Amino acid sequence: MKYFYDTEFLEDGKTIDFISIGIVAEDGRTLYRVSNEFDTRRVARHDWLMRNVLSSIDHDQFITYDFKGKPAVRDIYVTDKAARSKDQIARDIADFVGGDRDAEFWAWYSAYDHVCLAQLFGRMIDLPNMIPMFTNDIRTLVALAGMQPNQLPKQPAGHHNALADAQQNVVRYNYLMEILSK
């Protein structure tokens, strides 16, 4: 079975801090989880993540001000009902995939997504048998079809919500497979 997924994360060129994952199974089932373990202070200071990713994750925001009126401490507290520990998210993903040893994972620009997925389980060699050690990249299908990404169907809403992006990956994949099968 195919599993289309997306992750959201904070990366700084040295580390990747997992925030959320959305997975859509080929049979229509979905899984959406948010970490309650990411570095909330670093994310709270990252304007792009706050505007684009945290806008779809329930949270409380805390800001204190110094004597000059500038934000001194900025932090968030995740209140989203999908929030779990990374260990619990890994168990949820393993349960979601079940015993499917032929699982195919697909993502859009998948390199960092695969690292986020693998690190939920520890080291890559710690991945359970049902999770492949690689993720197929839908972006490669774009190149094989001789297309550019801007020629794909547009995502109507939910950009940078991991589940909405995973659902868009299904749309992209199906669109490209139809073109490539001609």
Protein backbone atom coordinates (compact mmCIF):
# COMPACT_ATOMS: atom_id res chain seq x y z
CA MET A 1 0.00 0.00 0.00
CA LYS A 2 1.13 3.56 -0.66
CA TYR A 3 1.40 6.14 2.12
CA PHE A 4 1.63 9.81 1.20
CA TYR A 5 3.01 12.04 3.90
CA ASP A 6 4.42 15.41 4.81
CA THR A 7 6.26 16.72 7.83
CA GLU A 8 6.76 20.18 9.22
CA PHE A 9 9.97 20.98 11.06
CA LEU A 10 12.48 23.60 12.11
CA GLU A 11 15.89 23.19 10.55
CA ASP A 12 18.99 25.28 10.96
CA GLY A 13 21.50 23.57 8.68
CA LYS A 14 22.68 21.30 11.51
CA THR A 15 19.56 19.87 13.11
CA ILE A 16 16.00 19.07 12.10
CA ASP A 17 13.44 19.57 14.88
CA PHE A 18 10.24 17.65 14.07
CA ILE A 19 6.94 19.54 14.53
CA SER A 20 4.18 17.55 12.80
CA ILE A 21 3.33 14.78 10.36
CA GLY A 22 0.32 14.00 8.19
CA ILE A 23 -0.12 10.67 6.43
CA VAL A 24 -2.75 9.59 3.91
CA ALA A 25 -2.98 5.88 3.14
CA GLU A 26 -3.94 4.70 -0.31
CA ASP A 27 -7.18 3.30 1.17
CA GLY A 28 -8.17 6.80 2.38
CA ARG A 29 -7.26 6.52 6.07
CA THR A 30 -5.44 9.52 7.55
CA LEU A 31 -3.16 10.15 10.50
CA TYR A 32 -2.19 13.58 11.82
CA ARG A 33 0.12 14.13 14.76
CA VAL A 34 1.88 17.12 16.32
CA SER A 35 4.93 16.79 18.53
CA ASN A 36 4.76 18.19 22.02
CA GLU A 37 8.55 17.93 22.28
CA PHE A 38 9.90 20.41 19.70
CA ASP A 39 11.87 23.47 20.84
CA THR A 40 8.93 25.82 21.32
CA ARG A 41 11.06 28.88 22.04
CA ARG A 42 13.02 28.53 18.80
CA VAL A 43 9.83 27.99 16.80
CA ALA A 44 8.13 30.95 18.52
CA ARG A 45 10.98 33.20 17.36
CA HIS A 46 10.76 31.90 13.78
CA ASP A 47 8.29 34.21 12.01
CA TRP A 48 7.83 31.99 8.94
CA LEU A 49 7.00 28.91 11.03
CA MET A 50 4.65 30.92 13.24
CA ARG A 51 2.77 32.36 10.22
CA ASN A 52 2.73 29.24 8.06
CA VAL A 53 2.94 26.14 10.26
CA LEU A 54 1.76 27.10 13.75
CA SER A 55 -1.23 28.90 12.25
CA SER A 56 -2.85 25.46 11.85
CA ILE A 57 -1.66 24.00 15.16
CA ASP A 58 -3.56 24.94 18.30
CA HIS A 59 -1.25 26.65 20.77
CA ASP A 60 -1.01 29.40 23.33
CA GLN A 61 1.59 32.10 22.80
CA PHE A 62 3.52 33.84 25.56
CA ILE A 63 5.47 37.07 25.15
CA THR A 64 7.09 39.15 27.87
CA TYR A 65 8.60 42.54 27.22
CA ASP A 66 11.80 44.19 28.37
CA PHE A 67 12.00 47.74 29.73
CA LYS A 68 12.26 49.17 26.20
CA GLY A 69 9.05 47.44 25.09
CA LYS A 70 10.76 44.78 22.95
CA PRO A 71 9.78 41.11 23.21
CA ALA A 72 12.19 39.50 25.67
CA VAL A 73 10.79 36.00 25.99
CA ARG A 74 8.65 34.49 23.30
CA ASP A 75 7.34 30.98 23.71
CA ILE A 76 4.41 28.79 22.82
CA TYR A 77 2.60 25.95 24.50
CA VAL A 78 1.08 23.34 22.18
CA THR A 79 -2.58 22.67 23.03
CA ASP A 80 -3.50 20.82 19.82
CA LYS A 81 -5.57 17.66 20.33
CA ALA A 82 -3.22 15.84 17.91
CA ALA A 83 -0.17 16.57 20.14
CA ARG A 84 1.77 13.56 21.38
CA SER A 85 5.29 12.61 22.42
CA LYS A 86 7.60 11.53 19.61
CA ASP A 87 7.61 7.99 21.02
CA GLN A 88 3.80 7.89 20.91
CA ILE A 89 3.79 9.33 17.36
CA ALA A 90 6.19 6.56 16.28
CA ARG A 91 3.86 3.94 17.80
CA ASP A 92 0.85 5.56 16.11
CA ILE A 93 2.60 5.46 12.73
CA ALA A 94 3.61 1.83 13.20
CA ASP A 95 0.00 0.96 14.14
CA PHE A 96 -1.32 2.97 11.17
CA VAL A 97 0.89 1.07 8.71
CA GLY A 98 0.32 -2.22 10.52
CA GLY A 99 2.09 -5.31 9.23
CA ASP A 100 2.34 -3.98 5.66
CA ARG A 101 5.90 -5.01 4.74
CA ASP A 102 5.32 -3.76 1.17
CA ALA A 103 4.53 -0.21 2.26
CA GLU A 104 5.63 2.55 -0.13
CA PHE A 105 6.15 6.01 1.30
CA TRP A 106 5.82 9.07 -0.95
CA ALA A 107 6.50 12.74 -0.21
CA TRP A 108 7.18 16.04 -2.01
CA TYR A 109 10.90 16.99 -1.83
CA SER A 110 11.19 14.04 0.50
CA ALA A 111 14.73 14.14 1.90
CA TYR A 112 14.05 16.01 5.15
CA ASP A 113 10.64 14.36 5.51
CA HIS A 114 12.33 10.97 5.54
CA VAL A 115 14.85 12.12 8.16
CA CYS A 116 11.99 13.38 10.36
CA LEU A 117 10.12 10.09 9.93
CA ALA A 118 13.17 7.94 10.62
CA GLN A 119 14.24 9.93 13.67
CA LEU A 120 10.88 9.32 15.33
CA PHE A 121 12.06 5.72 15.65
CA GLY A 122 15.66 6.62 16.61
CA ARG A 123 18.43 5.81 14.15
CA MET A 124 17.55 4.78 10.61
CA ILE A 125 18.54 1.20 11.36
CA ASP A 126 15.96 1.25 14.17
CA LEU A 127 13.08 1.66 11.70
CA PRO A 128 10.52 -1.11 12.11
CA ASN A 129 10.21 -3.52 9.17
CA MET A 130 7.04 -1.90 7.84
CA ILE A 131 8.72 1.51 7.41
CA PRO A 132 11.05 1.58 4.38
CA MET A 133 14.54 3.06 4.69
CA PHE A 134 13.74 5.48 1.88
CA THR A 135 10.90 7.69 0.73
CA ASN A 136 9.92 7.96 -2.92
CA ASP A 137 10.02 11.56 -4.12
CA ILE A 138 7.02 12.88 -6.05
CA ARG A 139 9.26 15.70 -7.33
CA THR A 140 11.17 13.04 -9.31
CA LEU A 141 7.93 12.14 -11.09
CA VAL A 142 7.62 15.79 -12.17
CA ALA A 143 11.04 15.56 -13.84
CA LEU A 144 10.22 12.20 -15.45
CA ALA A 145 7.04 13.73 -16.88
CA GLY A 146 9.11 16.58 -18.37
CA MET A 147 7.14 19.13 -16.36
CA GLN A 148 7.77 21.95 -13.92
CA PRO A 149 6.24 22.03 -10.41
CA ASN A 150 4.11 25.08 -11.31
CA GLN A 151 2.26 22.92 -13.86
CA LEU A 152 0.77 20.69 -11.15
CA PRO A 153 -2.70 21.16 -9.68
CA LYS A 154 -2.67 23.93 -7.09
CA GLN A 155 -3.38 23.22 -3.44
CA PRO A 156 -6.62 25.04 -2.58
CA ALA A 157 -5.90 25.58 1.14
CA GLY A 158 -3.97 24.37 4.15
CA HIS A 159 -0.44 25.02 2.93
CA HIS A 160 2.08 23.84 5.54
CA ASN A 161 -0.46 21.86 7.51
CA ALA A 162 1.15 18.43 7.35
CA LEU A 163 -2.11 16.57 6.70
CA ALA A 164 -3.34 19.03 4.04
CA ASP A 165 0.06 18.82 2.34
CA ALA A 166 -0.04 15.00 2.48
CA GLN A 167 -3.49 15.09 0.86
CA GLN A 168 -2.05 17.34 -1.86
CA ASN A 169 0.71 14.77 -2.37
CA VAL A 170 -1.99 12.25 -3.29
CA VAL A 171 -3.36 14.71 -5.86
CA ARG A 172 0.11 15.34 -7.29
CA TYR A 173 0.95 11.64 -7.45
CA ASN A 174 -2.31 10.66 -9.16
CA TYR A 175 -2.03 13.54 -11.65
CA LEU A 176 1.55 12.63 -12.54
CA MET A 177 0.89 8.88 -12.78
CA GLU A 178 -1.93 9.58 -15.22
CA ILE A 179 0.44 11.62 -17.41
CA LEU A 180 3.27 9.11 -17.14
CA SER A 181 1.03 6.15 -18.03
CA LYS A 182 0.09 7.61 -21.43
